[in-house]
Amino acid sequence: MTRADALALMHEYTASDALRKHMLAIEAAMRAYARQHGEDEEAWGVVGLLHDFDYERFPNEAHAPDHEHPSEGSRILEARGYPEPLRRAILGHASYTGVPRDSLVAKVLFAVDELCGFLVACTLVRPSKSLMDLEVSSVKKKLKDKAFARGVNRDEVRQGAAELGVDLDEHIRFCIEALRPVERDLGLGAGA
């Protein structure tokens, strides 16, 4: 599946601009980690683009392990010939599926998902609305504020870095740098 195919599928299933931007953010972080690890940047980027594509149509408030998001999305991807290891990574980003994160791509997806959402939230409350001046110390301070961005699971932010085997500060820095080049696509920066 090419990036163009993945974008078309994402747009077909996702109307929400905010959710589309979230998937673009995850794509950028996945591509950056793929480059760092010498992995297939295109494949990892597509994983990021598609990890939540089914979320609007198949919300999973009950956190059912085998239907609705992300299981329905995985079935759609399987029907389109999407490789099983990449589908497993998408399934594993939702802990409630019980699918182990037993590959690097799966660990990275889990590690960047909640964190990138939190980084965007941190950026939106800055006067500049830009990632260019966002610092790790500011992010860590906001992580301690339980009233800020309540929907972000802080335990999963920490767990993601731990599963990846990286220091949390380094992981935050890496993701900030990965998102900076695409900040305009995320609705951030000048004119946001």
N, C-alpha and C. Protein backbone atom coordinates (compact mmCIF):
# COMPACT_ATOMS: atom_id res chain seq x y z
N MET A 1 0.85 -1.18 0.00
CA MET A 1 0.00 0.00 0.00
C MET A 1 0.89 1.24 0.00
N THR A 2 0.66 2.13 -0.93
CA THR A 2 1.44 3.36 -1.00
C THR A 2 0.86 4.41 -0.05
N ARG A 3 1.61 5.48 0.15
CA ARG A 3 1.10 6.57 0.98
C ARG A 3 -0.17 7.15 0.37
N ALA A 4 -0.20 7.27 -0.95
CA ALA A 4 -1.40 7.80 -1.62
C ALA A 4 -2.60 6.90 -1.36
N ASP A 5 -2.41 5.60 -1.42
CA ASP A 5 -3.50 4.65 -1.13
C ASP A 5 -3.97 4.81 0.32
N ALA A 6 -3.00 4.92 1.23
CA ALA A 6 -3.33 5.06 2.66
C ALA A 6 -4.08 6.36 2.92
N LEU A 7 -3.63 7.44 2.30
CA LEU A 7 -4.33 8.73 2.47
C LEU A 7 -5.76 8.64 1.96
N ALA A 8 -5.94 8.02 0.81
CA ALA A 8 -7.29 7.89 0.25
C ALA A 8 -8.18 7.08 1.19
N LEU A 9 -7.65 6.00 1.74
CA LEU A 9 -8.42 5.18 2.67
C LEU A 9 -8.74 5.95 3.94
N MET A 10 -7.76 6.67 4.46
CA MET A 10 -7.97 7.48 5.65
C MET A 10 -9.07 8.51 5.41
N HIS A 11 -9.02 9.19 4.27
CA HIS A 11 -10.03 10.21 3.96
C HIS A 11 -11.41 9.57 3.73
N GLU A 12 -11.44 8.39 3.17
CA GLU A 12 -12.72 7.69 2.94
C GLU A 12 -13.42 7.38 4.25
N TYR A 13 -12.65 6.99 5.27
CA TYR A 13 -13.23 6.55 6.53
C TYR A 13 -13.26 7.62 7.62
N THR A 14 -12.51 8.70 7.47
CA THR A 14 -12.36 9.68 8.55
C THR A 14 -12.76 11.06 8.07
N ALA A 15 -13.82 11.60 8.64
CA ALA A 15 -14.28 12.95 8.30
C ALA A 15 -13.64 14.00 9.20
N SER A 16 -13.33 13.64 10.42
CA SER A 16 -12.82 14.59 11.41
C SER A 16 -11.44 15.13 11.02
N ASP A 17 -11.36 16.44 10.91
CA ASP A 17 -10.08 17.09 10.60
C ASP A 17 -9.07 16.83 11.72
N ALA A 18 -9.53 16.88 12.96
CA ALA A 18 -8.63 16.66 14.10
C ALA A 18 -8.05 15.25 14.07
N LEU A 19 -8.88 14.26 13.77
CA LEU A 19 -8.39 12.89 13.72
C LEU A 19 -7.45 12.68 12.54
N ARG A 20 -7.75 13.30 11.41
CA ARG A 20 -6.84 13.21 10.27
C ARG A 20 -5.48 13.81 10.62
N LYS A 21 -5.49 14.95 11.29
CA LYS A 21 -4.22 15.59 11.69
C LYS A 21 -3.46 14.71 12.68
N HIS A 22 -4.19 14.06 13.57
CA HIS A 22 -3.54 13.14 14.52
C HIS A 22 -2.81 12.04 13.75
N MET A 23 -3.46 11.48 12.75
CA MET A 23 -2.83 10.40 11.99
C MET A 23 -1.63 10.91 11.19
N LEU A 24 -1.69 12.16 10.71
CA LEU A 24 -0.53 12.75 10.03
C LEU A 24 0.64 12.93 11.00
N ALA A 25 0.32 13.31 12.24
CA ALA A 25 1.38 13.46 13.25
C ALA A 25 2.04 12.12 13.54
N ILE A 26 1.22 11.09 13.68
CA ILE A 26 1.78 9.77 13.96
C ILE A 26 2.61 9.29 12.77
N GLU A 27 2.15 9.57 11.57
CA GLU A 27 2.94 9.22 10.39
C GLU A 27 4.33 9.85 10.46
N ALA A 28 4.39 11.14 10.79
CA ALA A 28 5.69 11.83 10.84
C ALA A 28 6.61 11.21 11.88
N ALA A 29 6.07 10.89 13.06
CA ALA A 29 6.89 10.28 14.10
C ALA A 29 7.34 8.88 13.70
N MET A 30 6.45 8.12 13.08
CA MET A 30 6.80 6.77 12.62
C MET A 30 7.90 6.82 11.57
N ARG A 31 7.80 7.75 10.63
CA ARG A 31 8.83 7.88 9.60
C ARG A 31 10.18 8.24 10.23
N ALA A 32 10.17 9.13 11.21
CA ALA A 32 11.42 9.54 11.85
C ALA A 32 12.07 8.36 12.58
N TYR A 33 11.26 7.58 13.29
CA TYR A 33 11.81 6.41 13.98
C TYR A 33 12.28 5.35 12.98
N ALA A 34 11.57 5.19 11.86
CA ALA A 34 12.01 4.24 10.84
C ALA A 34 13.39 4.64 10.31
N ARG A 35 13.58 5.94 10.05
CA ARG A 35 14.89 6.43 9.59
C ARG A 35 15.96 6.13 10.63
N GLN A 36 15.66 6.40 11.89
CA GLN A 36 16.63 6.18 12.95
C GLN A 36 17.05 4.72 13.04
N HIS A 37 16.12 3.82 12.80
CA HIS A 37 16.39 2.38 12.96
C HIS A 37 16.70 1.68 11.64
N GLY A 38 16.79 2.43 10.55
CA GLY A 38 17.09 1.83 9.26
C GLY A 38 15.98 0.93 8.74
N GLU A 39 14.75 1.24 9.08
CA GLU A 39 13.59 0.45 8.66
C GLU A 39 12.91 1.10 7.45
N ASP A 40 11.88 0.48 6.95
CA ASP A 40 11.14 0.93 5.77
C ASP A 40 10.26 2.13 6.13
N GLU A 41 10.72 3.30 5.76
CA GLU A 41 10.04 4.55 6.13
C GLU A 41 8.63 4.62 5.54
N GLU A 42 8.48 4.17 4.32
CA GLU A 42 7.16 4.20 3.68
C GLU A 42 6.16 3.30 4.41
N ALA A 43 6.57 2.08 4.70
CA ALA A 43 5.69 1.13 5.40
C ALA A 43 5.33 1.64 6.79
N TRP A 44 6.32 2.13 7.52
CA TRP A 44 6.05 2.62 8.86
C TRP A 44 5.16 3.87 8.82
N GLY A 45 5.38 4.72 7.83
CA GLY A 45 4.53 5.90 7.68
C GLY A 45 3.09 5.52 7.42
N VAL A 46 2.88 4.51 6.59
CA VAL A 46 1.52 4.04 6.30
C VAL A 46 0.87 3.48 7.58
N VAL A 47 1.63 2.78 8.40
CA VAL A 47 1.10 2.29 9.69
C VAL A 47 0.59 3.48 10.51
N GLY A 48 1.38 4.55 10.56
CA GLY A 48 0.95 5.73 11.31
C GLY A 48 -0.30 6.37 10.72
N LEU A 49 -0.35 6.45 9.40
CA LEU A 49 -1.51 7.05 8.74
C LEU A 49 -2.78 6.25 8.96
N LEU A 50 -2.65 4.94 9.08
CA LEU A 50 -3.85 4.09 9.14
C LEU A 50 -4.21 3.58 10.53
N HIS A 51 -3.43 3.89 11.55
CA HIS A 51 -3.66 3.24 12.84
C HIS A 51 -5.04 3.55 13.43
N ASP A 52 -5.62 4.70 13.10
CA ASP A 52 -6.94 5.08 13.63
C ASP A 52 -7.97 5.33 12.53
N PHE A 53 -7.71 4.87 11.31
CA PHE A 53 -8.60 5.23 10.20
C PHE A 53 -10.03 4.74 10.40
N ASP A 54 -10.21 3.67 11.17
CA ASP A 54 -11.54 3.09 11.40
C ASP A 54 -12.22 3.61 12.66
N TYR A 55 -11.58 4.50 13.37
CA TYR A 55 -12.05 4.92 14.69
C TYR A 55 -13.43 5.59 14.67
N GLU A 56 -13.67 6.45 13.69
CA GLU A 56 -14.97 7.13 13.63
C GLU A 56 -16.11 6.18 13.30
N ARG A 57 -15.90 5.30 12.36
CA ARG A 57 -16.98 4.38 11.95
C ARG A 57 -17.20 3.25 12.94
N PHE A 58 -16.14 2.86 13.63
CA PHE A 58 -16.23 1.72 14.55
C PHE A 58 -15.65 2.07 15.92
N PRO A 59 -16.24 3.07 16.58
CA PRO A 59 -15.70 3.44 17.90
C PRO A 59 -15.83 2.25 18.85
N ASN A 60 -14.95 2.19 19.81
CA ASN A 60 -14.92 1.02 20.68
C ASN A 60 -14.89 1.45 22.13
N GLU A 61 -15.98 2.06 22.57
CA GLU A 61 -16.05 2.55 23.95
C GLU A 61 -15.95 1.43 24.97
N ALA A 62 -16.42 0.24 24.60
CA ALA A 62 -16.36 -0.91 25.50
C ALA A 62 -14.98 -1.57 25.51
N HIS A 63 -14.09 -1.12 24.60
CA HIS A 63 -12.76 -1.72 24.46
C HIS A 63 -12.83 -3.23 24.22
N ALA A 64 -13.73 -3.60 23.32
CA ALA A 64 -13.84 -5.01 22.93
C ALA A 64 -12.56 -5.42 22.21
N PRO A 65 -12.01 -6.57 22.56
CA PRO A 65 -10.72 -6.97 21.99
C PRO A 65 -10.78 -7.41 20.53
N ASP A 66 -11.96 -7.81 20.04
CA ASP A 66 -11.98 -8.41 18.71
C ASP A 66 -13.01 -7.83 17.74
N HIS A 67 -13.64 -6.73 18.09
CA HIS A 67 -14.50 -6.05 17.11
C HIS A 67 -14.43 -4.55 17.36
N GLU A 68 -14.95 -3.79 16.41
CA GLU A 68 -14.84 -2.34 16.37
C GLU A 68 -13.36 -1.95 16.25
N HIS A 69 -13.02 -0.70 16.56
CA HIS A 69 -11.65 -0.20 16.40
C HIS A 69 -10.70 -0.92 17.36
N PRO A 70 -9.53 -1.35 16.96
CA PRO A 70 -8.94 -1.35 15.62
C PRO A 70 -9.17 -2.65 14.83
N SER A 71 -9.95 -3.56 15.40
CA SER A 71 -10.14 -4.87 14.75
C SER A 71 -10.84 -4.76 13.40
N GLU A 72 -11.87 -3.90 13.30
CA GLU A 72 -12.55 -3.74 12.01
C GLU A 72 -11.58 -3.19 10.97
N GLY A 73 -10.77 -2.23 11.38
CA GLY A 73 -9.78 -1.67 10.46
C GLY A 73 -8.81 -2.73 9.98
N SER A 74 -8.40 -3.60 10.88
CA SER A 74 -7.47 -4.67 10.51
C SER A 74 -8.10 -5.59 9.47
N ARG A 75 -9.40 -5.90 9.65
CA ARG A 75 -10.09 -6.76 8.67
C ARG A 75 -10.17 -6.07 7.30
N ILE A 76 -10.43 -4.77 7.30
CA ILE A 76 -10.49 -4.01 6.04
C ILE A 76 -9.12 -4.04 5.37
N LEU A 77 -8.07 -3.82 6.16
CA LEU A 77 -6.71 -3.84 5.61
C LEU A 77 -6.33 -5.23 5.11
N GLU A 78 -6.74 -6.26 5.82
CA GLU A 78 -6.45 -7.64 5.38
C GLU A 78 -7.10 -7.91 4.02
N ALA A 79 -8.34 -7.46 3.85
CA ALA A 79 -9.04 -7.67 2.58
C ALA A 79 -8.35 -6.95 1.43
N ARG A 80 -7.60 -5.91 1.76
CA ARG A 80 -6.87 -5.15 0.73
C ARG A 80 -5.44 -5.63 0.57
N GLY A 81 -5.10 -6.72 1.25
CA GLY A 81 -3.77 -7.31 1.09
C GLY A 81 -2.68 -6.66 1.92
N TYR A 82 -3.05 -5.91 2.93
CA TYR A 82 -2.07 -5.25 3.79
C TYR A 82 -1.33 -6.29 4.62
N PRO A 83 0.00 -6.21 4.74
CA PRO A 83 0.79 -7.26 5.40
C PRO A 83 0.41 -7.48 6.88
N GLU A 84 0.41 -8.73 7.25
CA GLU A 84 0.04 -9.12 8.61
C GLU A 84 0.89 -8.47 9.70
N PRO A 85 2.21 -8.38 9.57
CA PRO A 85 3.00 -7.75 10.65
C PRO A 85 2.61 -6.29 10.90
N LEU A 86 2.23 -5.61 9.84
CA LEU A 86 1.84 -4.20 10.01
C LEU A 86 0.43 -4.10 10.59
N ARG A 87 -0.43 -5.04 10.23
CA ARG A 87 -1.76 -5.07 10.85
C ARG A 87 -1.65 -5.39 12.34
N ARG A 88 -0.74 -6.29 12.68
CA ARG A 88 -0.52 -6.63 14.10
C ARG A 88 -0.04 -5.41 14.89
N ALA A 89 0.80 -4.60 14.26
CA ALA A 89 1.27 -3.37 14.93
C ALA A 89 0.09 -2.45 15.22
N ILE A 90 -0.80 -2.31 14.25
CA ILE A 90 -1.97 -1.46 14.44
C ILE A 90 -2.88 -2.04 15.53
N LEU A 91 -3.09 -3.35 15.52
CA LEU A 91 -3.90 -3.97 16.57
C LEU A 91 -3.26 -3.76 17.94
N GLY A 92 -1.94 -3.88 18.01
CA GLY A 92 -1.24 -3.78 19.29
C GLY A 92 -1.21 -2.39 19.89
N HIS A 93 -1.50 -1.35 19.08
CA HIS A 93 -1.47 0.00 19.67
C HIS A 93 -2.61 0.21 20.65
N ALA A 94 -3.64 -0.63 20.58
CA ALA A 94 -4.74 -0.60 21.54
C ALA A 94 -4.51 -1.77 22.50
N SER A 95 -4.07 -1.48 23.70
CA SER A 95 -3.71 -2.53 24.65
C SER A 95 -4.84 -3.53 24.89
N TYR A 96 -6.08 -3.05 24.81
CA TYR A 96 -7.21 -3.91 25.11
C TYR A 96 -7.42 -5.04 24.09
N THR A 97 -6.74 -5.00 22.94
CA THR A 97 -6.88 -6.09 21.97
C THR A 97 -6.15 -7.34 22.44
N GLY A 98 -5.19 -7.17 23.33
CA GLY A 98 -4.40 -8.31 23.79
C GLY A 98 -3.33 -8.74 22.80
N VAL A 99 -3.20 -8.02 21.68
CA VAL A 99 -2.17 -8.35 20.69
C VAL A 99 -0.84 -7.82 21.20
N PRO A 100 0.15 -8.69 21.40
CA PRO A 100 1.43 -8.22 21.95
C PRO A 100 2.18 -7.32 20.97
N ARG A 101 2.87 -6.38 21.52
CA ARG A 101 3.73 -5.50 20.71
C ARG A 101 5.10 -6.18 20.65
N ASP A 102 5.22 -7.14 19.74
CA ASP A 102 6.41 -7.97 19.67
C ASP A 102 7.31 -7.65 18.48
N SER A 103 7.09 -6.48 17.90
CA SER A 103 7.98 -6.03 16.82
C SER A 103 8.33 -4.57 17.10
N LEU A 104 9.40 -4.11 16.50
CA LEU A 104 9.82 -2.73 16.70
C LEU A 104 8.76 -1.75 16.19
N VAL A 105 8.17 -2.03 15.04
CA VAL A 105 7.16 -1.12 14.49
C VAL A 105 5.97 -1.02 15.45
N ALA A 106 5.59 -2.12 16.08
CA ALA A 106 4.47 -2.11 17.03
C ALA A 106 4.82 -1.30 18.27
N LYS A 107 6.03 -1.48 18.77
CA LYS A 107 6.46 -0.73 19.95
C LYS A 107 6.52 0.77 19.66
N VAL A 108 7.02 1.13 18.49
CA VAL A 108 7.11 2.55 18.14
C VAL A 108 5.71 3.15 18.00
N LEU A 109 4.80 2.45 17.33
CA LEU A 109 3.45 2.99 17.17
C LEU A 109 2.81 3.26 18.52
N PHE A 110 2.91 2.31 19.42
CA PHE A 110 2.35 2.50 20.76
C PHE A 110 3.02 3.68 21.47
N ALA A 111 4.33 3.79 21.32
CA ALA A 111 5.09 4.83 22.02
C ALA A 111 4.78 6.24 21.50
N VAL A 112 4.48 6.38 20.22
CA VAL A 112 4.27 7.72 19.67
C VAL A 112 2.81 8.16 19.70
N ASP A 113 1.88 7.24 19.78
CA ASP A 113 0.46 7.56 19.64
C ASP A 113 -0.02 8.57 20.69
N GLU A 114 0.03 8.21 21.94
CA GLU A 114 -0.44 9.13 22.99
C GLU A 114 0.46 10.36 23.10
N LEU A 115 1.77 10.14 22.98
CA LEU A 115 2.70 11.25 23.14
C LEU A 115 2.49 12.33 22.09
N CYS A 116 2.34 11.95 20.83
CA CYS A 116 2.18 12.96 19.79
C CYS A 116 0.89 13.75 19.97
N GLY A 117 -0.18 13.08 20.40
CA GLY A 117 -1.41 13.80 20.71
C GLY A 117 -1.18 14.82 21.81
N PHE A 118 -0.41 14.44 22.81
CA PHE A 118 -0.11 15.33 23.92
C PHE A 118 0.76 16.50 23.47
N LEU A 119 1.73 16.24 22.60
CA LEU A 119 2.59 17.32 22.09
C LEU A 119 1.78 18.36 21.33
N VAL A 120 0.82 17.92 20.54
CA VAL A 120 -0.04 18.87 19.83
C VAL A 120 -0.85 19.69 20.82
N ALA A 121 -1.40 19.05 21.84
CA ALA A 121 -2.15 19.78 22.87
C ALA A 121 -1.26 20.82 23.56
N CYS A 122 -0.04 20.45 23.88
CA CYS A 122 0.91 21.39 24.52
C CYS A 122 1.19 22.58 23.60
N THR A 123 1.30 22.31 22.33
CA THR A 123 1.61 23.35 21.35
C THR A 123 0.45 24.31 21.19
N LEU A 124 -0.75 23.80 21.19
CA LEU A 124 -1.93 24.64 20.97
C LEU A 124 -2.15 25.67 22.07
N VAL A 125 -1.63 25.44 23.27
CA VAL A 125 -1.80 26.42 24.35
C VAL A 125 -0.63 27.39 24.44
N ARG A 126 0.36 27.26 23.58
CA ARG A 126 1.50 28.17 23.57
C ARG A 126 1.13 29.43 22.78
N PRO A 127 1.65 30.58 23.16
CA PRO A 127 1.36 31.80 22.39
C PRO A 127 1.73 31.67 20.91
N SER A 128 2.83 30.98 20.63
CA SER A 128 3.29 30.84 19.25
C SER A 128 2.49 29.79 18.47
N LYS A 129 1.82 28.89 19.20
CA LYS A 129 1.15 27.73 18.59
C LYS A 129 2.10 26.96 17.67
N SER A 130 3.38 26.96 18.05
CA SER A 130 4.41 26.35 17.22
C SER A 130 5.22 25.32 18.01
N LEU A 131 5.58 24.26 17.32
CA LEU A 131 6.47 23.26 17.90
C LEU A 131 7.92 23.75 17.94
N MET A 132 8.20 24.80 17.20
CA MET A 132 9.58 25.28 17.08
C MET A 132 10.16 25.73 18.42
N ASP A 133 9.29 26.22 19.33
CA ASP A 133 9.80 26.66 20.63
C ASP A 133 9.29 25.78 21.78
N LEU A 134 8.73 24.63 21.46
CA LEU A 134 8.29 23.70 22.49
C LEU A 134 9.50 22.95 23.04
N GLU A 135 9.62 22.91 24.35
CA GLU A 135 10.76 22.27 24.99
C GLU A 135 10.31 21.08 25.83
N VAL A 136 11.21 20.14 25.99
CA VAL A 136 10.93 18.93 26.77
C VAL A 136 10.46 19.29 28.18
N SER A 137 11.10 20.27 28.80
CA SER A 137 10.74 20.65 30.17
C SER A 137 9.29 21.13 30.26
N SER A 138 8.81 21.83 29.24
CA SER A 138 7.42 22.29 29.22
C SER A 138 6.47 21.11 29.11
N VAL A 139 6.83 20.16 28.28
CA VAL A 139 5.99 18.96 28.10
C VAL A 139 5.93 18.17 29.40
N LYS A 140 7.06 17.99 30.05
CA LYS A 140 7.10 17.22 31.30
C LYS A 140 6.27 17.91 32.39
N LYS A 141 6.30 19.24 32.41
CA LYS A 141 5.50 19.98 33.38
C LYS A 141 4.01 19.75 33.12
N LYS A 142 3.61 19.78 31.85
CA LYS A 142 2.21 19.56 31.49
C LYS A 142 1.79 18.11 31.78
N LEU A 143 2.71 17.16 31.62
CA LEU A 143 2.39 15.76 31.93
C LEU A 143 1.98 15.60 33.40
N LYS A 144 2.55 16.41 34.27
CA LYS A 144 2.23 16.34 35.70
C LYS A 144 0.88 16.97 36.03
N ASP A 145 0.39 17.85 35.14
CA ASP A 145 -0.87 18.54 35.35
C ASP A 145 -2.01 17.66 34.86
N LYS A 146 -2.66 16.96 35.78
CA LYS A 146 -3.69 15.98 35.41
C LYS A 146 -4.92 16.65 34.78
N ALA A 147 -5.11 17.94 35.01
CA ALA A 147 -6.27 18.64 34.44
C ALA A 147 -6.04 18.99 32.97
N PHE A 148 -4.79 19.01 32.54
CA PHE A 148 -4.46 19.37 31.16
C PHE A 148 -4.55 18.14 30.26
N ALA A 149 -5.25 18.26 29.14
CA ALA A 149 -5.37 17.18 28.15
C ALA A 149 -5.71 15.86 28.84
N ARG A 150 -6.83 15.87 29.55
CA ARG A 150 -7.24 14.71 30.35
C ARG A 150 -7.37 13.42 29.56
N GLY A 151 -7.67 13.53 28.28
CA GLY A 151 -7.87 12.33 27.46
C GLY A 151 -6.60 11.57 27.16
N VAL A 152 -5.45 12.18 27.46
CA VAL A 152 -4.17 11.52 27.18
C VAL A 152 -3.80 10.62 28.36
N ASN A 153 -3.54 9.36 28.06
CA ASN A 153 -3.17 8.39 29.08
C ASN A 153 -1.68 8.53 29.38
N ARG A 154 -1.38 9.18 30.49
CA ARG A 154 0.01 9.43 30.86
C ARG A 154 0.77 8.14 31.15
N ASP A 155 0.07 7.14 31.69
CA ASP A 155 0.73 5.86 31.94
C ASP A 155 1.20 5.24 30.63
N GLU A 156 0.39 5.37 29.56
CA GLU A 156 0.79 4.82 28.27
C GLU A 156 1.93 5.63 27.64
N VAL A 157 1.99 6.93 27.93
CA VAL A 157 3.13 7.72 27.45
C VAL A 157 4.41 7.17 28.04
N ARG A 158 4.41 6.94 29.36
CA ARG A 158 5.60 6.41 30.03
C ARG A 158 5.88 4.96 29.62
N GLN A 159 4.82 4.16 29.54
CA GLN A 159 4.96 2.75 29.16
C GLN A 159 5.52 2.63 27.74
N GLY A 160 5.08 3.49 26.85
CA GLY A 160 5.58 3.45 25.47
C GLY A 160 7.07 3.66 25.40
N ALA A 161 7.57 4.67 26.12
CA ALA A 161 9.01 4.92 26.14
C ALA A 161 9.75 3.73 26.75
N ALA A 162 9.20 3.18 27.83
CA ALA A 162 9.84 2.04 28.50
C ALA A 162 9.89 0.82 27.57
N GLU A 163 8.78 0.52 26.88
CA GLU A 163 8.77 -0.63 25.98
C GLU A 163 9.75 -0.44 24.82
N LEU A 164 9.93 0.81 24.43
CA LEU A 164 10.86 1.11 23.35
C LEU A 164 12.31 1.09 23.84
N GLY A 165 12.47 1.16 25.16
CA GLY A 165 13.81 1.14 25.75
C GLY A 165 14.53 2.47 25.62
N VAL A 166 13.76 3.57 25.62
CA VAL A 166 14.37 4.90 25.52
C VAL A 166 13.97 5.74 26.72
N ASP A 167 14.83 6.66 27.06
CA ASP A 167 14.56 7.61 28.13
C ASP A 167 13.38 8.49 27.72
N LEU A 168 12.47 8.76 28.64
CA LEU A 168 11.28 9.55 28.33
C LEU A 168 11.64 10.93 27.78
N ASP A 169 12.60 11.61 28.39
CA ASP A 169 13.00 12.93 27.90
C ASP A 169 13.49 12.86 26.46
N GLU A 170 14.28 11.85 26.14
CA GLU A 170 14.81 11.68 24.79
C GLU A 170 13.68 11.37 23.81
N HIS A 171 12.74 10.55 24.24
CA HIS A 171 11.60 10.20 23.39
C HIS A 171 10.76 11.45 23.08
N ILE A 172 10.52 12.26 24.09
CA ILE A 172 9.76 13.51 23.89
C ILE A 172 10.51 14.41 22.91
N ARG A 173 11.81 14.59 23.14
CA ARG A 173 12.61 15.44 22.25
C ARG A 173 12.56 14.93 20.81
N PHE A 174 12.73 13.62 20.65
CA PHE A 174 12.73 13.02 19.33
C PHE A 174 11.41 13.28 18.61
N CYS A 175 10.31 13.09 19.32
CA CYS A 175 8.99 13.29 18.71
C CYS A 175 8.72 14.75 18.38
N ILE A 176 9.15 15.67 19.25
CA ILE A 176 9.01 17.10 18.93
C ILE A 176 9.73 17.40 17.63
N GLU A 177 10.96 16.93 17.52
CA GLU A 177 11.75 17.18 16.31
C GLU A 177 11.13 16.52 15.08
N ALA A 178 10.51 15.36 15.25
CA ALA A 178 9.87 14.66 14.13
C ALA A 178 8.65 15.42 13.62
N LEU A 179 7.94 16.08 14.52
CA LEU A 179 6.72 16.80 14.14
C LEU A 179 6.99 18.21 13.60
N ARG A 180 8.11 18.79 13.95
CA ARG A 180 8.38 20.17 13.51
C ARG A 180 8.25 20.38 12.00
N PRO A 181 8.80 19.52 11.16
CA PRO A 181 8.70 19.77 9.71
C PRO A 181 7.27 19.72 9.17
N VAL A 182 6.35 19.08 9.89
CA VAL A 182 4.97 18.96 9.39
C VAL A 182 3.98 19.80 10.21
N GLU A 183 4.48 20.73 10.99
CA GLU A 183 3.57 21.45 11.89
C GLU A 183 2.45 22.17 11.15
N ARG A 184 2.72 22.71 9.97
CA ARG A 184 1.65 23.38 9.22
C ARG A 184 0.56 22.39 8.81
N ASP A 185 0.94 21.18 8.43
CA ASP A 185 -0.04 20.15 8.08
C ASP A 185 -0.90 19.77 9.29
N LEU A 186 -0.36 20.02 10.47
CA LEU A 186 -1.07 19.68 11.72
C LEU A 186 -1.89 20.86 12.22
N GLY A 187 -1.90 21.97 11.47
CA GLY A 187 -2.66 23.15 11.88
C GLY A 187 -1.95 23.96 12.95
N LEU A 188 -0.63 23.83 13.02
CA LEU A 188 0.16 24.52 14.03
C LEU A 188 1.06 25.56 13.38
N GLY A 189 1.70 26.37 14.21
CA GLY A 189 2.66 27.35 13.71
C GLY A 189 2.00 28.63 13.28
N ALA A 190 2.73 29.42 12.52
CA ALA A 190 2.25 30.73 12.08
C ALA A 190 0.92 30.59 11.34
N GLY A 191 -0.02 31.39 11.73
CA GLY A 191 -1.33 31.39 11.09
C GLY A 191 -2.29 30.34 11.61
N ALA A 192 -1.86 29.59 12.63
CA ALA A 192 -2.74 28.53 13.18
C ALA A 192 -3.88 29.13 13.96
